Amino acid sequence: MLVAADRNNVFYGTAANQVMRASLSSPNTRDTVMDLAKPVNTAAAFRITCLSSSPRSFLTDCYTDHVLIAGGFYGEYAVCNIDSDLPGTSEGFVTHAYNGLVTHVHSFRERRSGLLHAAFSSNDRRVQLMDVGTVRFTDSFTYDHAVNCSATSADGRLRALVGDSSDTLITDAQRGTPLVTLQEHTDHGFACAWSQDNRHMATAAQDGRVIVWDARSWKKPLRTFQSTMSCARSLHFTDDGALVAAENEDIVAVYSGHSFDEEQVIRFLGSIAGVALLDGGAELAIANADKTVGGLLTFEKLPQGLGNNTYGSFVAQPRQMGSSRWRNGRARRQMESLPELLI
């Protein structure tokens, strides 16, 4: 698990039930942001299953809603204001169901109020919305299957859901009502994401495919990509519309924005514990959980002509393996024995 607000606030979960903060500007600097090894609400340890970090937004001259949110194996949540001078973390339960594992959490701006909210997806077939400012749940929506991931569009109107079904649901973000059912995948869904311009939505499933949809017409997919080695577990759109798809092992693919006709492939050895975009995708951070060669890897965009920034060189579809070039960031292995601790 890896999330980031900026280069100086890169967060990762550890096997010791802690959330650490690292700085790419100072690789040897780290501190503990959340220590959940001694849970407040349960006898069992808080086993972190997902993380989300909101971008810094100054509401007043002295207050910011820059928060870090964690979900737990037994339905727990933890919320921490990163910029607050007050110590402590707000903890509670998303659900008390026996199968209430929190599978995913993401933050978004509520459409009408503009306030920061969080959407928790869980194995008990529910998506629950929290007002982060008050740490209170405002809505709960129940569906026909476990929800593995949800993504809210940037304008706050729609929410995509994937889970233990081959169907992808497009729902009303405020009411939770299903509006469209997409049936292109043939196996359970793992990840989904919206582009910043609300135009594209991408899904990834156990069938090994990544599918990109145009939100202006749900009749057929815009593009379909086949994973290289294993199914994609994480999807992210950069601010310029490129799609980043992280497979379970060894491979992170980057598809060019808007047309998605070109592809970059980042190859390395190791399980992928998380991917985070910095500065809207100007820099890409990848957590490699391999116990021998793992660490935190960073990739910077390179200017390749006016208005055309890439992480390396694109390869036109269909794929031409082995022809990509990359400028690699340093492998930062001094943070906290990352291969041992990354979840």
Protein backbone atom coordinates (compact mmCIF):
# COMPACT_ATOMS: atom_id res chain seq x y z
CA MET A 1 0.00 0.00 0.00
CA LEU A 2 1.41 3.33 -1.08
CA VAL A 3 -0.22 6.77 -1.26
CA ALA A 4 1.24 10.26 -1.57
CA ALA A 5 0.15 13.87 -1.27
CA ASP A 6 3.45 15.31 -2.52
CA ARG A 7 7.17 14.47 -2.62
CA ASN A 8 7.55 15.12 1.10
CA ASN A 9 4.49 13.13 2.12
CA VAL A 10 4.74 9.58 0.79
CA PHE A 11 2.93 7.09 3.03
CA TYR A 12 3.21 3.31 3.18
CA GLY A 13 1.75 0.64 5.45
CA THR A 14 3.96 -1.85 7.27
CA ALA A 15 3.55 -5.38 8.55
CA ALA A 16 3.83 -3.94 12.07
CA ASN A 17 0.47 -2.16 11.57
CA GLN A 18 2.06 1.25 11.23
CA VAL A 19 1.81 3.91 8.54
CA MET A 20 5.17 5.53 7.83
CA ARG A 21 5.89 8.81 6.07
CA ALA A 22 8.88 9.11 3.74
CA SER A 23 10.25 12.08 1.83
CA LEU A 24 11.68 11.73 -1.66
CA SER A 25 13.55 14.98 -1.10
CA SER A 26 15.31 13.41 1.89
CA PRO A 27 15.36 9.61 1.48
CA ASN A 28 16.84 8.98 4.93
CA THR A 29 14.01 10.85 6.66
CA ARG A 30 10.98 8.94 7.92
CA ASP A 31 8.49 9.13 10.75
CA THR A 32 5.46 7.23 12.04
CA VAL A 33 2.18 8.91 11.16
CA MET A 34 -0.18 6.22 12.43
CA ASP A 35 0.69 3.56 14.98
CA LEU A 36 -2.20 1.09 14.92
CA ALA A 37 -0.33 -1.77 16.62
CA LYS A 38 -2.33 -1.07 19.79
CA PRO A 39 -5.93 -0.71 18.61
CA VAL A 40 -8.40 1.38 20.55
CA ASN A 41 -11.65 -0.42 19.69
CA THR A 42 -10.75 -4.11 19.39
CA ALA A 43 -8.68 -6.74 21.12
CA ALA A 44 -7.21 -7.82 17.80
CA ALA A 45 -4.57 -5.78 16.01
CA PHE A 46 -5.64 -3.24 13.38
CA ARG A 47 -4.52 -4.98 10.17
CA ILE A 48 -4.25 -2.28 7.52
CA THR A 49 -5.86 -3.26 4.22
CA CYS A 50 -6.02 0.06 2.33
CA LEU A 51 -4.84 3.67 2.48
CA SER A 52 -5.94 6.99 1.03
CA SER A 53 -4.39 10.44 1.25
CA SER A 54 -6.21 13.64 0.33
CA PRO A 55 -4.37 16.51 -1.37
CA ARG A 56 -3.59 19.50 0.82
CA SER A 57 -6.34 22.13 0.69
CA PHE A 58 -6.24 25.20 2.92
CA LEU A 59 -9.75 26.01 4.12
CA THR A 60 -8.56 28.92 6.28
CA ASP A 61 -5.20 30.49 7.07
CA CYS A 62 -4.70 28.05 9.91
CA TYR A 63 -6.67 24.94 8.94
CA THR A 64 -6.16 22.33 6.26
CA ASP A 65 -8.07 19.12 5.50
CA HIS A 66 -4.98 17.17 4.47
CA VAL A 67 -5.85 13.75 5.92
CA LEU A 68 -4.67 10.17 5.81
CA ILE A 69 -7.31 7.43 5.96
CA ALA A 70 -6.78 3.73 6.63
CA GLY A 71 -9.14 0.76 6.39
CA GLY A 72 -8.78 -2.46 8.37
CA PHE A 73 -9.27 -6.21 8.06
CA TYR A 74 -12.05 -6.32 10.67
CA GLY A 75 -14.02 -3.36 9.31
CA GLU A 76 -12.09 -0.64 11.15
CA TYR A 77 -11.11 2.81 9.97
CA ALA A 78 -8.54 5.35 11.15
CA VAL A 79 -8.37 9.03 10.16
CA CYS A 80 -5.46 11.36 10.87
CA ASN A 81 -5.04 15.06 9.99
CA ILE A 82 -1.48 15.21 8.72
CA ASP A 83 -1.03 18.95 9.32
CA SER A 84 -2.65 19.12 12.74
CA ASP A 85 -0.52 19.99 15.77
CA LEU A 86 -2.79 17.83 17.92
CA PRO A 87 -1.64 14.21 18.33
CA GLY A 88 -3.88 11.23 17.87
CA THR A 89 -5.92 9.34 15.32
CA SER A 90 -9.69 9.01 15.10
CA GLU A 91 -10.61 5.31 15.02
CA GLY A 92 -13.88 3.46 14.62
CA PHE A 93 -15.75 0.90 12.54
CA VAL A 94 -17.04 1.07 9.01
CA THR A 95 -19.00 -2.12 9.67
CA HIS A 96 -19.32 -4.79 12.35
CA ALA A 97 -20.17 -7.55 9.86
CA TYR A 98 -18.13 -10.74 10.17
CA ASN A 99 -17.06 -10.35 6.53
CA GLY A 100 -16.64 -6.59 6.74
CA LEU A 101 -13.05 -6.29 5.54
CA VAL A 102 -12.48 -2.79 4.13
CA THR A 103 -11.28 -3.41 0.59
CA HIS A 104 -10.77 0.16 -0.60
CA VAL A 105 -11.07 3.78 0.50
CA HIS A 106 -10.77 7.00 -1.47
CA SER A 107 -11.44 10.66 -0.73
CA PHE A 108 -13.42 13.09 -2.86
CA ARG A 109 -15.09 16.50 -2.71
CA GLU A 110 -18.82 16.39 -2.09
CA ARG A 111 -20.48 17.94 -5.10
CA ARG A 112 -22.72 20.48 -3.37
CA SER A 113 -20.80 21.46 -0.25
CA GLY A 114 -17.25 20.99 -1.55
CA LEU A 115 -16.33 19.35 1.76
CA LEU A 116 -13.98 16.39 1.92
CA HIS A 117 -15.70 12.99 2.06
CA ALA A 118 -14.41 9.44 2.01
CA ALA A 119 -15.96 6.39 0.34
CA PHE A 120 -15.29 3.04 2.06
CA SER A 121 -15.84 -0.17 0.09
CA SER A 122 -16.18 -3.41 2.01
CA ASN A 123 -16.67 -7.14 1.65
CA ASP A 124 -20.17 -6.98 3.15
CA ARG A 125 -21.46 -5.57 -0.18
CA ARG A 126 -21.60 -1.97 0.96
CA VAL A 127 -20.17 1.43 0.09
CA GLN A 128 -20.33 3.92 2.96
CA LEU A 129 -19.66 7.65 2.78
CA MET A 130 -18.01 9.61 5.59
CA ASP A 131 -17.88 13.35 6.20
CA VAL A 132 -14.19 13.53 7.05
CA GLY A 133 -14.49 16.86 8.88
CA THR A 134 -16.90 15.45 11.45
CA VAL A 135 -15.78 11.79 11.11
CA ARG A 136 -19.43 10.75 10.73
CA PHE A 137 -20.99 8.43 8.19
CA THR A 138 -23.61 10.16 6.07
CA ASP A 139 -24.76 7.43 3.64
CA SER A 140 -24.66 3.67 3.21
CA PHE A 141 -25.40 1.84 -0.06
CA THR A 142 -25.83 -1.93 -0.41
CA TYR A 143 -25.21 -3.88 -3.62
CA ASP A 144 -25.51 -7.47 -4.85
CA HIS A 145 -21.86 -8.44 -4.39
CA ALA A 146 -18.74 -7.57 -2.42
CA VAL A 147 -17.24 -4.27 -3.57
CA ASN A 148 -13.49 -4.42 -4.20
CA CYS A 149 -12.96 -0.87 -5.42
CA SER A 150 -14.90 2.33 -6.05
CA ALA A 151 -13.97 5.57 -7.80
CA THR A 152 -15.84 8.89 -7.77
CA SER A 153 -15.68 11.16 -10.80
CA ALA A 154 -13.94 14.51 -10.34
CA ASP A 155 -17.21 16.42 -10.68
CA GLY A 156 -18.81 14.29 -7.94
CA ARG A 157 -21.70 13.11 -10.11
CA LEU A 158 -20.88 9.43 -10.77
CA ARG A 159 -19.21 6.56 -8.96
CA ALA A 160 -17.84 3.39 -10.54
CA LEU A 161 -17.91 0.09 -8.61
CA VAL A 162 -16.16 -3.22 -9.26
CA GLY A 163 -16.15 -6.31 -7.09
CA ASP A 164 -16.95 -10.01 -6.88
CA SER A 165 -18.87 -9.89 -10.14
CA SER A 166 -17.95 -9.51 -13.79
CA ASP A 167 -20.25 -6.47 -13.97
CA THR A 168 -19.10 -2.89 -13.47
CA LEU A 169 -21.68 -0.52 -12.00
CA ILE A 170 -21.90 3.19 -12.76
CA THR A 171 -23.93 4.72 -9.94
CA ASP A 172 -25.25 8.09 -8.89
CA ALA A 173 -22.58 9.31 -6.48
CA GLN A 174 -25.03 10.95 -4.07
CA ARG A 175 -27.89 8.44 -4.07
CA GLY A 176 -25.91 5.26 -4.78
CA THR A 177 -28.45 4.18 -7.40
CA PRO A 178 -27.06 2.06 -10.28
CA LEU A 179 -27.44 3.92 -13.59
CA VAL A 180 -25.46 1.75 -16.02
CA THR A 181 -24.20 -1.85 -15.89
CA LEU A 182 -21.10 -2.61 -17.97
CA GLN A 183 -20.66 -6.29 -18.85
CA GLU A 184 -17.41 -6.41 -20.80
CA HIS A 185 -15.29 -8.23 -18.20
CA THR A 186 -15.58 -12.00 -17.73
CA ASP A 187 -14.29 -12.26 -14.14
CA HIS A 188 -14.25 -10.39 -10.84
CA GLY A 189 -13.11 -6.76 -10.89
CA PHE A 190 -10.15 -5.45 -8.90
CA ALA A 191 -9.66 -1.77 -9.73
CA CYS A 192 -11.31 1.27 -11.30
CA ALA A 193 -10.39 4.92 -11.82
CA TRP A 194 -11.73 8.15 -13.36
CA SER A 195 -9.74 10.67 -15.37
CA GLN A 196 -9.52 14.22 -14.03
CA ASP A 197 -11.60 15.60 -16.92
CA ASN A 198 -14.44 13.12 -16.14
CA ARG A 199 -14.22 11.81 -19.71
CA HIS A 200 -12.63 8.39 -19.23
CA MET A 201 -13.17 5.58 -16.75
CA ALA A 202 -10.97 2.49 -16.57
CA THR A 203 -11.51 -0.93 -14.98
CA ALA A 204 -9.27 -3.94 -14.36
CA ALA A 205 -10.36 -7.48 -13.58
CA GLN A 206 -9.18 -11.01 -12.93
CA ASP A 207 -9.66 -11.83 -16.61
CA GLY A 208 -6.36 -10.02 -17.20
CA ARG A 209 -7.86 -7.10 -19.09
CA VAL A 210 -7.81 -3.35 -18.57
CA ILE A 211 -10.79 -1.66 -20.22
CA VAL A 212 -11.11 2.07 -20.88
CA TRP A 213 -14.58 3.58 -21.33
CA ASP A 214 -15.70 6.93 -22.70
CA ALA A 215 -18.21 8.32 -20.19
CA ARG A 216 -20.10 10.08 -22.99
CA SER A 217 -21.23 6.70 -24.34
CA TRP A 218 -21.28 3.44 -22.40
CA LYS A 219 -22.33 1.30 -25.39
CA LYS A 220 -18.87 -0.16 -26.05
CA PRO A 221 -15.33 0.17 -24.63
CA LEU A 222 -12.99 2.78 -26.04
CA ARG A 223 -9.91 0.54 -25.64
CA THR A 224 -9.10 -2.89 -24.21
CA PHE A 225 -5.61 -3.93 -23.09
CA GLN A 226 -4.37 -7.38 -22.09
CA SER A 227 -2.06 -7.58 -19.08
CA THR A 228 1.47 -8.84 -19.67
CA MET A 229 2.02 -11.26 -16.77
CA SER A 230 -0.76 -10.95 -14.19
CA CYS A 231 -3.96 -8.97 -13.79
CA ALA A 232 -3.79 -5.27 -12.94
CA ARG A 233 -4.54 -4.48 -9.30
CA SER A 234 -4.25 -0.70 -9.35
CA LEU A 235 -5.27 1.99 -11.86
CA HIS A 236 -4.47 5.71 -11.87
CA PHE A 237 -5.02 8.56 -14.33
CA THR A 238 -2.45 11.34 -14.55
CA ASP A 239 -3.60 14.94 -14.88
CA ASP A 240 -2.85 14.87 -18.62
CA GLY A 241 -5.03 11.79 -19.15
CA ALA A 242 -2.45 8.98 -19.27
CA LEU A 243 -3.48 5.70 -17.61
CA VAL A 244 -1.12 3.90 -15.22
CA ALA A 245 -1.91 0.20 -14.67
CA ALA A 246 0.07 -1.72 -12.05
CA GLU A 247 0.02 -5.50 -12.30
CA ASN A 248 0.41 -7.76 -9.30
CA GLU A 249 4.00 -8.65 -10.21
CA ASP A 250 6.90 -7.06 -12.11
CA ILE A 251 5.00 -4.78 -14.53
CA VAL A 252 3.64 -1.23 -14.52
CA ALA A 253 2.18 -0.08 -17.85
CA VAL A 254 1.52 3.52 -18.88
CA TYR A 255 -0.90 4.20 -21.73
CA SER A 256 -0.80 7.56 -23.51
CA GLY A 257 -3.58 9.99 -22.73
CA HIS A 258 -6.78 10.53 -24.73
CA SER A 259 -6.13 8.08 -27.61
CA PHE A 260 -4.38 5.35 -25.55
CA ASP A 261 -2.62 4.25 -28.75
CA GLU A 262 0.84 4.05 -27.22
CA GLU A 263 2.26 2.22 -24.23
CA GLN A 264 5.24 2.35 -21.91
CA VAL A 265 6.25 -0.65 -19.82
CA ILE A 266 8.24 -0.42 -16.60
CA ARG A 267 9.77 -3.81 -15.79
CA PHE A 268 11.44 -4.93 -12.58
CA LEU A 269 11.56 -7.95 -10.29
CA GLY A 270 9.18 -8.07 -7.36
CA SER A 271 5.61 -7.84 -6.11
CA ILE A 272 4.03 -4.40 -6.45
CA ALA A 273 2.86 -3.16 -3.06
CA GLY A 274 1.50 0.13 -4.36
CA VAL A 275 1.72 2.95 -6.89
CA ALA A 276 1.36 6.69 -6.27
CA LEU A 277 1.33 9.68 -8.62
CA LEU A 278 3.16 12.83 -7.54
CA ASP A 279 2.35 16.30 -8.85
CA GLY A 280 -0.43 14.98 -11.05
CA GLY A 281 1.81 12.34 -12.61
CA ALA A 282 4.99 14.37 -13.13
CA GLU A 283 6.63 11.70 -11.00
CA LEU A 284 5.64 8.07 -10.44
CA ALA A 285 6.43 6.19 -7.22
CA ILE A 286 6.29 2.39 -7.07
CA ALA A 287 6.64 0.25 -3.94
CA ASN A 288 8.46 -3.02 -4.66
CA ALA A 289 7.84 -5.56 -1.87
CA ASP A 290 10.49 -8.09 -2.90
CA LYS A 291 12.48 -9.11 0.19
CA THR A 292 15.80 -9.08 -1.67
CA VAL A 293 15.74 -6.25 -4.19
CA GLY A 294 12.66 -4.30 -3.13
CA GLY A 295 12.31 -0.67 -2.16
CA LEU A 296 10.68 2.54 -3.27
CA LEU A 297 11.31 3.35 -6.93
CA THR A 298 10.62 6.71 -8.57
CA PHE A 299 10.30 7.64 -12.25
CA GLU A 300 10.31 11.20 -13.53
CA LYS A 301 8.71 12.47 -16.69
CA LEU A 302 11.14 13.56 -19.38
CA PRO A 303 10.37 16.41 -21.80
CA GLN A 304 10.20 15.04 -25.34
CA GLY A 305 9.25 18.03 -27.40
CA LEU A 306 7.00 20.94 -26.57
CA GLY A 307 3.92 19.82 -24.65
CA ASN A 308 4.85 16.12 -24.78
CA ASN A 309 6.18 14.81 -21.48
CA THR A 310 6.67 11.07 -20.96
CA TYR A 311 8.35 8.80 -18.43
CA GLY A 312 10.52 7.41 -21.24
CA SER A 313 9.60 6.44 -24.78
CA PHE A 314 6.20 5.26 -25.86
CA VAL A 315 5.80 2.04 -27.82
CA ALA A 316 3.03 2.03 -30.40
CA GLN A 317 0.37 -0.66 -30.10
CA PRO A 318 0.59 -3.58 -30.52
CA ARG A 319 3.30 -3.99 -27.95
CA GLN A 320 6.93 -4.22 -28.96
CA MET A 321 8.52 -5.74 -25.90
CA GLY A 322 11.96 -4.63 -24.86
CA SER A 323 12.10 -1.37 -26.83
CA SER A 324 11.19 1.06 -24.06
CA ARG A 325 13.77 3.40 -22.54
CA TRP A 326 13.56 4.80 -19.06
CA ARG A 327 15.09 7.31 -16.74
CA ASN A 328 14.92 5.50 -13.43
CA GLY A 329 14.70 7.18 -10.08
CA ARG A 330 16.94 5.91 -7.32
CA ALA A 331 15.85 2.78 -5.49
CA ARG A 332 15.42 4.08 -1.97
CA ARG A 333 15.99 1.09 0.28
CA GLN A 334 16.98 2.92 3.47
CA MET A 335 13.56 3.95 4.71
CA GLU A 336 12.60 1.09 7.01
CA SER A 337 13.76 -2.14 5.40
CA LEU A 338 10.90 -1.70 2.96
CA PRO A 339 10.95 -5.26 1.55
CA GLU A 340 10.23 -6.58 5.04
CA LEU A 341 7.60 -4.06 6.01
CA LEU A 342 5.57 -3.12 2.98
CA ILE A 343 2.17 -4.78 2.94
